[in-house]
Amino acid sequence: MGDRTLDWRHELGRWLKPFLDRLGHKARRQMCPLYVSGLIGPGDRKSIQPIAERLAVGDYDQLHHFVAAGVWDASPVETELLVQADRLVGGNDAVLVIDDTAIPKKGTHSVGVAAQYASALGKTANCQTLVSLTLARGEVPVMLALRLFLPESWTSDRARLKRAGVPAKYRTARTKPEMALAEIDRVIAAGVRFGCVLADAGYGLSAPFRQGLTVRKLTWAVGIPRHLKVYPADVQMIWPVAKRGRPRKRYIPDILSVAAEDMLADATWQNISWRIGTKGKLKARFTAVRVRVADGPPQRIRDKGQQHLPGDETWLIGEHRTSGEKKFYLANLPAETDLRTLAATIKARWVCEQAHQQLKEELGLDHFEGRSWQGLHRHALMTTIAYAFLQHRRLAAAGRKKKNLRAATSADVTSRTPRDPRTHRSTTTAALSALPKMDLRQTAA
């Protein structure tokens, strides 16, 4: 076991080199591998003091300085993470998943902590909320960024922000969708390749978020609440005739908008399976129609008050789960996209939940015990770097398996029946799909 542990630590040192080159100072280049090793290796707690006790006896002060107290710019290291993530899983068939994750926290002094909805707990709780961006391909996720959301109880208290060391540029109130768009711009600027942006209804209900993705010429598929208003795709703008009073000056739609669930009330639903899970095929009933979203400028329409005019044409997709629950989505995928592709695209979002769980359970994302903005974000950055390294090892193992499979296939090719090209899957896809849910401790061993 000792030789194997030494082996992965040496591999980690080599893999971290481009990150260390961006850290500059010698002490930081020494502390970074130490901290990342502490996150990956065994131990119930993955915060500064326990890591120092296990790996750096006598170096607690330096490790604390590196994570929580030192004055250094993390931006170059964050950019390097984007570069390495793109090398691992970037491509036109990759997805970029926008979500958030909650870290339960007691007290009131830790930066960003407040009573807010925690999706992991399914209720409102005292916690910190991190907006996350995950790049994934072939069911292999790599976390790109974790950014702390500051509730109004924080952004309205300047003294509190200063005590927690929140940088001046982050002290103004920002919604989670606004934070996500800013991070997407950073990801694009770094040259990260992906084909579609995915998000749940917490982001999809925001018209500025959807419109921001469209302005950036991105393909997207997002959850929405059932009551979001839409128009039929063939809605027409007509010139209203005034029965009395001054002539009307603006066009109005020839039909009123309706809730998304009402638009699909009479739709035909189909059973769709989108992938193989641990318990067999994952399937549900889906339906989809072309609509125009009611997210245009608001305008008074007859006696109905203010109504949002029709916006861009998109897909409205409904999912009827075996539990009886119904979910609704919007997607700007091409009009010729088939229903199975729409369903598979939407359901690809699940990988971020797996990543959140593993970052917490295996790498100690929620173990940080400091209170500062800087310390929390540096700890989160180190956990995402550790996670990327483990995915690097996972993909390397899949590559070796692919090579062995290719050799075995080549040796036996003359005795096999030719495959139907319509059902053939690439060995890369087969290798990645066959990998079980990643056990990070086993990967590190």
Protein backbone atom coordinates (compact mmCIF):
# COMPACT_ATOMS: atom_id res chain seq x y z
CA MET A 1 0.00 0.00 0.00
CA GLY A 2 2.88 2.36 0.82
CA ASP A 3 4.42 2.02 -2.67
CA ARG A 4 1.06 2.64 -4.33
CA THR A 5 0.48 5.73 -2.17
CA LEU A 6 3.94 7.03 -3.06
CA ASP A 7 3.17 6.36 -6.72
CA TRP A 8 0.02 8.50 -6.82
CA ARG A 9 1.71 11.27 -4.87
CA HIS A 10 4.53 11.36 -7.43
CA GLU A 11 1.96 11.41 -10.23
CA LEU A 12 0.13 14.23 -8.46
CA GLY A 13 3.36 16.22 -8.24
CA ARG A 14 3.90 15.89 -11.99
CA TRP A 15 0.28 16.71 -12.81
CA LEU A 16 0.30 19.79 -10.56
CA LYS A 17 3.37 21.34 -12.24
CA PRO A 18 1.43 23.82 -14.47
CA PHE A 19 -0.54 24.93 -11.41
CA LEU A 20 2.62 25.36 -9.35
CA ASP A 21 4.24 27.38 -12.16
CA ARG A 22 1.41 29.89 -11.73
CA LEU A 23 1.80 30.12 -7.95
CA GLY A 24 5.17 31.85 -8.05
CA HIS A 25 6.48 31.84 -4.48
CA LYS A 26 8.47 28.79 -3.38
CA ALA A 27 6.50 28.31 -0.14
CA ARG A 28 3.20 28.28 -2.05
CA ARG A 29 4.60 25.73 -4.50
CA GLN A 30 5.45 23.52 -1.53
CA MET A 31 2.15 23.92 0.32
CA CYS A 32 -0.18 23.35 -2.66
CA PRO A 33 0.76 19.66 -3.28
CA LEU A 34 0.69 19.09 0.47
CA TYR A 35 -2.82 20.46 0.84
CA VAL A 36 -4.18 18.67 -2.26
CA SER A 37 -2.62 15.40 -1.01
CA GLY A 38 -4.35 15.94 2.32
CA LEU A 39 -7.70 16.35 0.59
CA ILE A 40 -7.26 13.17 -1.46
CA GLY A 41 -5.70 10.95 1.20
CA PRO A 42 -7.35 9.24 4.17
CA GLY A 43 -8.73 11.15 7.14
CA ASP A 44 -12.13 12.08 8.51
CA ARG A 45 -11.54 15.83 8.44
CA LYS A 46 -10.09 17.70 5.46
CA SER A 47 -9.46 21.13 6.97
CA ILE A 48 -6.15 22.87 7.59
CA GLN A 49 -5.29 21.61 11.09
CA PRO A 50 -6.05 17.88 10.53
CA ILE A 51 -4.18 17.94 7.21
CA ALA A 52 -1.18 19.57 8.91
CA GLU A 53 -1.27 16.96 11.69
CA ARG A 54 -1.29 14.12 9.17
CA LEU A 55 1.17 15.42 6.58
CA ALA A 56 2.97 18.53 7.74
CA VAL A 57 3.79 18.33 11.44
CA GLY A 58 5.41 21.65 12.32
CA ASP A 59 4.18 23.34 9.11
CA TYR A 60 0.68 24.32 10.28
CA ASP A 61 1.45 28.04 10.11
CA GLN A 62 2.71 27.80 6.52
CA LEU A 63 -0.28 25.71 5.46
CA HIS A 64 -2.69 28.13 7.14
CA HIS A 65 -0.92 31.05 5.49
CA PHE A 66 -1.23 29.39 2.07
CA VAL A 67 -4.97 28.73 2.35
CA ALA A 68 -6.40 31.40 4.62
CA ALA A 69 -4.03 34.27 5.33
CA GLY A 70 -1.50 34.75 2.55
CA VAL A 71 -1.79 37.58 0.04
CA TRP A 72 -1.69 35.99 -3.40
CA ASP A 73 -3.86 36.06 -6.51
CA ALA A 74 -5.72 32.80 -7.18
CA SER A 75 -6.86 33.88 -10.68
CA PRO A 76 -3.91 32.34 -12.61
CA VAL A 77 -4.45 29.02 -10.81
CA GLU A 78 -8.20 29.18 -11.53
CA THR A 79 -7.42 29.76 -15.20
CA GLU A 80 -5.05 26.78 -15.25
CA LEU A 81 -7.87 24.63 -13.86
CA LEU A 82 -10.00 25.64 -16.85
CA VAL A 83 -7.17 24.72 -19.24
CA GLN A 84 -6.66 21.30 -17.64
CA ALA A 85 -10.41 20.59 -17.45
CA ASP A 86 -10.76 21.31 -21.15
CA ARG A 87 -7.93 18.88 -21.90
CA LEU A 88 -9.68 16.21 -19.85
CA VAL A 89 -13.28 16.46 -21.02
CA GLY A 90 -13.68 19.53 -23.25
CA GLY A 91 -15.25 19.21 -26.70
CA ASN A 92 -18.32 19.95 -28.76
CA ASP A 93 -20.06 16.97 -27.16
CA ALA A 94 -19.34 18.22 -23.61
CA VAL A 95 -21.94 20.02 -21.48
CA LEU A 96 -21.48 22.92 -19.08
CA VAL A 97 -23.75 22.49 -16.06
CA ILE A 98 -24.77 25.48 -13.91
CA ASP A 99 -26.00 24.68 -10.42
CA ASP A 100 -25.36 25.48 -6.77
CA THR A 101 -24.60 23.50 -3.66
CA ALA A 102 -25.12 24.28 0.01
CA ILE A 103 -22.67 23.88 2.88
CA PRO A 104 -24.51 23.67 6.23
CA LYS A 105 -22.90 26.01 8.75
CA LYS A 106 -23.57 26.97 12.35
CA GLY A 107 -23.24 30.50 13.69
CA THR A 108 -23.39 33.80 11.85
CA HIS A 109 -19.75 34.83 11.32
CA SER A 110 -18.61 32.58 8.45
CA VAL A 111 -18.74 34.50 5.19
CA GLY A 112 -22.09 34.25 3.36
CA VAL A 113 -23.79 32.10 5.98
CA ALA A 114 -27.53 32.72 6.29
CA ALA A 115 -30.86 30.94 6.52
CA GLN A 116 -31.47 29.95 2.88
CA TYR A 117 -32.74 27.03 0.86
CA ALA A 118 -30.29 24.11 0.78
CA SER A 119 -31.09 21.73 -2.07
CA ALA A 120 -28.94 18.98 -0.54
CA LEU A 121 -31.10 19.11 2.59
CA GLY A 122 -34.36 19.82 0.79
CA LYS A 123 -35.21 22.65 3.18
CA THR A 124 -34.22 26.09 4.40
CA ALA A 125 -31.22 25.91 6.70
CA ASN A 126 -28.30 27.93 7.98
CA CYS A 127 -25.71 27.46 5.25
CA GLN A 128 -23.37 28.89 2.65
CA THR A 129 -24.37 28.55 -1.01
CA LEU A 130 -21.80 28.06 -3.77
CA VAL A 131 -22.67 28.60 -7.43
CA SER A 132 -20.97 25.81 -9.40
CA LEU A 133 -19.91 25.25 -13.00
CA THR A 134 -19.22 21.67 -14.09
CA LEU A 135 -17.79 20.54 -17.43
CA ALA A 136 -18.78 16.97 -18.30
CA ARG A 137 -18.39 14.55 -21.20
CA GLY A 138 -19.11 10.83 -21.34
CA GLU A 139 -20.59 10.99 -17.82
CA VAL A 140 -17.23 12.19 -16.44
CA PRO A 141 -17.57 15.57 -14.67
CA VAL A 142 -14.83 18.06 -13.82
CA MET A 143 -15.71 20.98 -11.55
CA LEU A 144 -14.59 24.28 -13.08
CA ALA A 145 -15.55 26.81 -10.42
CA LEU A 146 -17.25 27.34 -7.07
CA ARG A 147 -18.31 30.89 -6.18
CA LEU A 148 -19.96 32.01 -2.95
CA PHE A 149 -23.39 33.63 -3.21
CA LEU A 150 -23.94 36.50 -0.78
CA PRO A 151 -27.54 36.93 0.47
CA GLU A 152 -29.05 40.36 1.07
CA SER A 153 -28.35 40.06 4.80
CA TRP A 154 -24.67 40.25 3.85
CA THR A 155 -24.59 42.69 0.94
CA SER A 156 -26.56 45.23 3.01
CA ASP A 157 -24.03 45.14 5.88
CA ARG A 158 -20.76 46.79 4.80
CA ALA A 159 -19.01 46.22 8.13
CA ARG A 160 -19.83 42.52 8.04
CA LEU A 161 -18.46 42.21 4.49
CA LYS A 162 -15.23 43.95 5.51
CA ARG A 163 -14.73 41.72 8.55
CA ALA A 164 -15.04 38.61 6.35
CA GLY A 165 -12.54 40.00 3.85
CA VAL A 166 -14.95 40.14 0.91
CA PRO A 167 -13.19 41.95 -1.97
CA ALA A 168 -14.73 45.31 -2.87
CA LYS A 169 -15.84 44.16 -6.34
CA TYR A 170 -17.98 41.38 -4.80
CA ARG A 171 -19.73 43.50 -2.15
CA THR A 172 -22.67 44.49 -4.35
CA ALA A 173 -25.75 42.27 -4.56
CA ARG A 174 -25.69 39.77 -7.42
CA THR A 175 -28.22 37.08 -8.24
CA LYS A 176 -27.06 33.51 -8.83
CA PRO A 177 -27.90 33.75 -12.58
CA GLU A 178 -25.79 36.94 -12.80
CA MET A 179 -22.92 35.17 -11.08
CA ALA A 180 -23.28 32.21 -13.45
CA LEU A 181 -23.14 34.42 -16.56
CA ALA A 182 -19.98 36.12 -15.28
CA GLU A 183 -18.34 32.72 -14.74
CA ILE A 184 -19.46 31.52 -18.18
CA ASP A 185 -17.69 34.53 -19.69
CA ARG A 186 -14.50 33.54 -17.84
CA VAL A 187 -14.83 29.95 -19.07
CA ILE A 188 -15.33 31.08 -22.67
CA ALA A 189 -12.37 33.50 -22.45
CA ALA A 190 -10.15 30.60 -21.36
CA GLY A 191 -11.12 28.64 -24.49
CA VAL A 192 -13.02 25.86 -22.75
CA ARG A 193 -14.99 23.81 -25.30
CA PHE A 194 -18.57 22.68 -24.69
CA GLY A 195 -21.70 22.17 -26.74
CA CYS A 196 -24.61 23.00 -24.45
CA VAL A 197 -25.29 24.84 -21.18
CA LEU A 198 -27.60 23.07 -18.72
CA ALA A 199 -29.27 24.45 -15.59
CA ASP A 200 -32.18 23.69 -13.27
CA ALA A 201 -35.30 25.80 -12.76
CA GLY A 202 -33.55 28.00 -10.20
CA TYR A 203 -31.65 29.50 -13.15
CA GLY A 204 -34.00 28.66 -16.02
CA LEU A 205 -36.83 30.78 -14.61
CA SER A 206 -34.65 33.87 -15.12
CA ALA A 207 -35.37 35.49 -18.49
CA PRO A 208 -32.15 37.58 -18.32
CA PHE A 209 -30.18 34.36 -17.79
CA ARG A 210 -31.74 32.60 -20.79
CA GLN A 211 -31.39 35.72 -22.91
CA GLY A 212 -27.79 36.15 -21.76
CA LEU A 213 -26.97 32.64 -22.98
CA THR A 214 -28.64 33.36 -26.33
CA VAL A 215 -26.76 36.66 -26.74
CA ARG A 216 -23.55 34.70 -26.22
CA LYS A 217 -24.67 32.39 -29.05
CA LEU A 218 -24.77 29.39 -26.72
CA THR A 219 -27.00 26.32 -26.97
CA TRP A 220 -28.91 25.76 -23.73
CA ALA A 221 -31.49 23.55 -22.02
CA VAL A 222 -32.89 24.67 -18.66
CA GLY A 223 -35.57 23.70 -16.19
CA ILE A 224 -38.52 26.05 -15.66
CA PRO A 225 -41.43 26.27 -13.20
CA ARG A 226 -44.72 24.85 -14.47
CA HIS A 227 -46.38 28.27 -14.42
CA LEU A 228 -43.89 30.01 -16.76
CA LYS A 229 -45.88 31.59 -19.61
CA VAL A 230 -45.44 30.63 -23.26
CA TYR A 231 -47.17 31.25 -26.61
CA PRO A 232 -47.77 28.79 -29.45
CA ALA A 233 -44.95 28.93 -31.99
CA ASP A 234 -47.34 30.27 -34.66
CA VAL A 235 -48.52 33.24 -32.56
CA GLN A 236 -49.07 36.30 -34.76
CA MET A 237 -48.63 39.98 -33.92
CA ILE A 238 -51.71 41.92 -35.03
CA TRP A 239 -52.77 45.55 -35.10
CA PRO A 240 -55.59 45.97 -32.54
CA VAL A 241 -58.72 47.80 -33.58
CA ALA A 242 -59.88 50.35 -31.01
CA LYS A 243 -63.65 50.39 -30.49
CA ARG A 244 -63.38 53.84 -28.98
CA GLY A 245 -60.76 56.33 -27.96
CA ARG A 246 -57.43 56.96 -29.61
CA PRO A 247 -56.06 54.51 -32.21
CA ARG A 248 -53.72 51.84 -30.87
CA LYS A 249 -50.00 52.37 -31.52
CA ARG A 250 -48.53 48.92 -30.84
CA TYR A 251 -49.00 45.42 -32.14
CA ILE A 252 -50.30 42.73 -29.78
CA PRO A 253 -50.27 38.91 -30.00
CA ASP A 254 -53.40 37.34 -31.48
CA ILE A 255 -53.60 34.90 -28.55
CA LEU A 256 -52.80 35.19 -24.86
CA SER A 257 -49.89 33.33 -23.27
CA VAL A 258 -50.56 30.28 -21.10
CA ALA A 259 -48.67 28.38 -18.39
CA ALA A 260 -46.18 25.78 -19.64
CA GLU A 261 -48.11 22.91 -18.04
CA ASP A 262 -51.33 24.06 -19.77
CA MET A 263 -49.56 24.22 -23.13
CA LEU A 264 -48.73 20.51 -22.76
CA ALA A 265 -52.08 19.46 -21.30
CA ASP A 266 -53.21 17.69 -24.51
CA ALA A 267 -49.76 16.63 -25.75
CA THR A 268 -48.83 13.06 -26.68
CA TRP A 269 -46.23 11.57 -24.35
CA GLN A 270 -43.63 8.94 -25.30
CA ASN A 271 -41.56 6.53 -23.21
CA ILE A 272 -37.90 7.51 -23.59
CA SER A 273 -34.79 5.84 -22.18
CA TRP A 274 -31.73 8.12 -22.10
CA ARG A 275 -28.98 5.95 -20.52
CA ILE A 276 -28.20 2.77 -18.60
CA GLY A 277 -27.99 3.24 -14.84
CA THR A 278 -26.83 0.91 -12.08
CA LYS A 279 -30.34 -0.55 -11.87
CA GLY A 280 -31.03 -0.76 -15.59
CA LYS A 281 -32.42 1.67 -18.13
CA LEU A 282 -33.33 5.13 -16.91
CA LYS A 283 -36.60 6.13 -18.51
CA ALA A 284 -39.61 8.42 -18.24
CA ARG A 285 -42.34 9.80 -20.48
CA PHE A 286 -41.50 12.92 -22.47
CA THR A 287 -43.20 15.31 -24.83
CA ALA A 288 -42.03 18.44 -26.65
CA VAL A 289 -43.58 21.26 -28.68
CA ARG A 290 -42.23 24.40 -30.27
CA VAL A 291 -43.25 27.58 -28.45
CA ARG A 292 -42.32 31.23 -28.08
CA VAL A 293 -41.52 32.20 -24.53
CA ALA A 294 -43.40 35.10 -22.96
CA ASP A 295 -40.24 36.98 -22.04
CA GLY A 296 -40.43 39.91 -24.46
CA PRO A 297 -41.11 43.49 -23.35
CA PRO A 298 -44.20 43.93 -21.13
CA GLN A 299 -47.22 45.57 -22.72
CA ARG A 300 -50.80 46.18 -21.74
CA ILE A 301 -53.11 43.89 -23.77
CA ARG A 302 -56.81 44.74 -23.80
CA ASP A 303 -58.25 44.29 -20.31
CA LYS A 304 -55.66 41.68 -19.30
CA GLY A 305 -53.18 44.15 -17.85
CA GLN A 306 -49.45 43.92 -18.49
CA GLN A 307 -48.42 40.87 -20.52
CA HIS A 308 -44.96 39.91 -21.76
CA LEU A 309 -44.79 39.75 -25.56
CA PRO A 310 -43.52 36.67 -27.41
CA GLY A 311 -39.76 36.18 -27.36
CA ASP A 312 -37.58 33.67 -29.20
CA GLU A 313 -38.89 30.33 -30.45
CA THR A 314 -37.68 27.36 -28.38
CA TRP A 315 -38.58 23.83 -27.39
CA LEU A 316 -40.94 23.36 -24.44
CA ILE A 317 -40.29 19.89 -23.04
CA GLY A 318 -42.30 17.97 -20.46
CA GLU A 319 -41.08 15.04 -18.37
CA HIS A 320 -43.50 12.71 -16.56
CA ARG A 321 -41.51 10.63 -14.09
CA THR A 322 -42.46 7.19 -12.85
CA SER A 323 -43.03 8.76 -9.41
CA GLY A 324 -45.87 10.79 -10.96
CA GLU A 325 -43.91 14.05 -10.74
CA LYS A 326 -43.89 16.34 -13.78
CA LYS A 327 -41.01 18.61 -14.77
CA PHE A 328 -40.79 21.24 -17.50
CA TYR A 329 -37.89 22.58 -19.53
CA LEU A 330 -36.99 25.06 -22.27
CA ALA A 331 -34.24 24.41 -24.83
CA ASN A 332 -33.02 26.35 -27.86
CA LEU A 333 -31.75 23.23 -29.63
CA PRO A 334 -32.52 23.16 -33.38
CA ALA A 335 -36.13 22.67 -34.46
CA GLU A 336 -35.28 19.33 -36.10
CA THR A 337 -33.92 17.80 -32.85
CA ASP A 338 -35.60 14.48 -32.01
CA LEU A 339 -37.30 13.82 -28.66
CA ARG A 340 -34.72 11.32 -27.39
CA THR A 341 -31.89 13.82 -27.97
CA LEU A 342 -33.86 16.50 -26.12
CA ALA A 343 -34.46 14.12 -23.20
CA ALA A 344 -30.83 12.93 -23.07
CA THR A 345 -29.55 16.50 -23.15
CA ILE A 346 -31.78 17.58 -20.27
CA LYS A 347 -30.91 14.57 -18.14
CA ALA A 348 -27.15 15.06 -18.62
CA ARG A 349 -27.37 17.62 -15.80
CA TRP A 350 -27.28 14.86 -13.15
CA VAL A 351 -23.46 14.63 -13.28
CA CYS A 352 -23.07 17.87 -11.33
CA GLU A 353 -24.97 16.37 -8.40
CA GLN A 354 -22.57 13.43 -8.40
CA ALA A 355 -19.64 15.86 -8.42
CA HIS A 356 -21.06 17.89 -5.52
CA GLN A 357 -21.56 14.75 -3.46
CA GLN A 358 -18.05 13.45 -4.09
CA LEU A 359 -16.42 16.83 -3.43
CA LYS A 360 -18.08 16.84 -0.01
CA GLU A 361 -17.93 13.20 1.00
CA GLU A 362 -14.47 12.36 -0.34
CA LEU A 363 -12.52 15.61 -0.65
CA GLY A 364 -13.87 17.68 2.25
CA LEU A 365 -15.39 20.61 0.38
CA ASP A 366 -17.64 21.27 3.38
CA HIS A 367 -14.87 20.76 5.98
CA PHE A 368 -13.32 24.25 5.86
CA GLU A 369 -13.38 25.78 9.33
CA GLY A 370 -12.33 29.37 8.58
CA ARG A 371 -14.64 32.35 8.24
CA SER A 372 -13.03 34.42 5.49
CA TRP A 373 -13.95 34.85 1.83
CA GLN A 374 -10.38 34.19 0.74
CA GLY A 375 -9.96 31.04 2.81
CA LEU A 376 -13.23 29.48 1.67
CA HIS A 377 -12.55 30.12 -2.02
CA ARG A 378 -8.97 28.84 -1.84
CA HIS A 379 -10.11 25.68 -0.04
CA ALA A 380 -12.82 25.20 -2.69
CA LEU A 381 -10.24 25.75 -5.46
CA MET A 382 -7.92 23.11 -3.98
CA THR A 383 -10.81 20.60 -3.78
CA THR A 384 -11.67 21.19 -7.45
CA ILE A 385 -8.00 20.72 -8.43
CA ALA A 386 -7.90 17.47 -6.43
CA TYR A 387 -11.10 16.33 -8.15
CA ALA A 388 -9.67 17.14 -11.59
CA PHE A 389 -6.55 15.09 -10.80
CA LEU A 390 -8.64 12.08 -9.82
CA GLN A 391 -10.65 12.35 -13.02
CA HIS A 392 -7.35 12.52 -14.90
CA ARG A 393 -6.41 9.17 -13.31
CA ARG A 394 -9.83 7.76 -14.07
CA LEU A 395 -9.62 8.70 -17.74
CA ALA A 396 -6.05 7.40 -17.97
CA ALA A 397 -7.28 4.04 -16.65
CA ALA A 398 -10.11 4.10 -19.21
CA GLY A 399 -7.54 4.83 -21.92
CA ARG A 400 -5.47 1.80 -20.92
CA LYS A 401 -8.62 -0.31 -20.94
CA LYS A 402 -9.45 1.01 -24.40
CA LYS A 403 -5.95 0.15 -25.65
CA ASN A 404 -6.20 -3.39 -24.28
CA LEU A 405 -9.66 -3.78 -25.77
CA ARG A 406 -8.40 -2.61 -29.15
CA ALA A 407 -5.52 -5.10 -29.03
CA ALA A 408 -7.85 -7.96 -28.11
CA THR A 409 -10.28 -6.97 -30.85
CA SER A 410 -7.52 -6.79 -33.43
CA ALA A 411 -6.22 -10.23 -32.50
CA ASP A 412 -9.66 -11.78 -32.75
CA VAL A 413 -11.04 -9.74 -35.65
CA THR A 414 -11.05 -12.58 -38.18
CA SER A 415 -13.26 -14.79 -36.02
CA ARG A 416 -15.96 -12.22 -35.31
CA THR A 417 -19.13 -11.35 -37.14
CA PRO A 418 -19.00 -7.81 -38.56
CA ARG A 419 -20.91 -5.31 -36.48
CA ASP A 420 -23.89 -3.39 -37.71
CA PRO A 421 -22.48 0.16 -37.98
CA ARG A 422 -25.81 1.56 -36.84
CA THR A 423 -25.41 -0.06 -33.40
CA HIS A 424 -21.64 0.30 -33.01
CA ARG A 425 -20.38 2.44 -30.12
CA SER A 426 -16.88 3.88 -30.03
CA THR A 427 -14.51 2.18 -27.61
CA THR A 428 -14.01 5.52 -25.85
CA THR A 429 -17.71 5.86 -25.15
CA ALA A 430 -17.94 2.23 -24.10
CA ALA A 431 -14.99 2.58 -21.73
CA LEU A 432 -16.34 5.70 -20.06
CA SER A 433 -19.89 4.41 -19.80
CA ALA A 434 -18.70 1.15 -18.27
CA LEU A 435 -16.89 2.88 -15.43
CA PRO A 436 -18.75 2.54 -12.12
CA LYS A 437 -19.49 5.52 -9.93
CA MET A 438 -16.07 6.79 -8.95
CA ASP A 439 -14.75 5.86 -5.51
CA LEU A 440 -12.19 8.59 -4.97
CA ARG A 441 -10.36 6.75 -2.19
CA GLN A 442 -9.93 3.72 -4.44
CA THR A 443 -8.86 5.96 -7.34
CA ALA A 444 -6.23 7.59 -5.17
CA ALA A 445 -4.99 4.24 -3.89
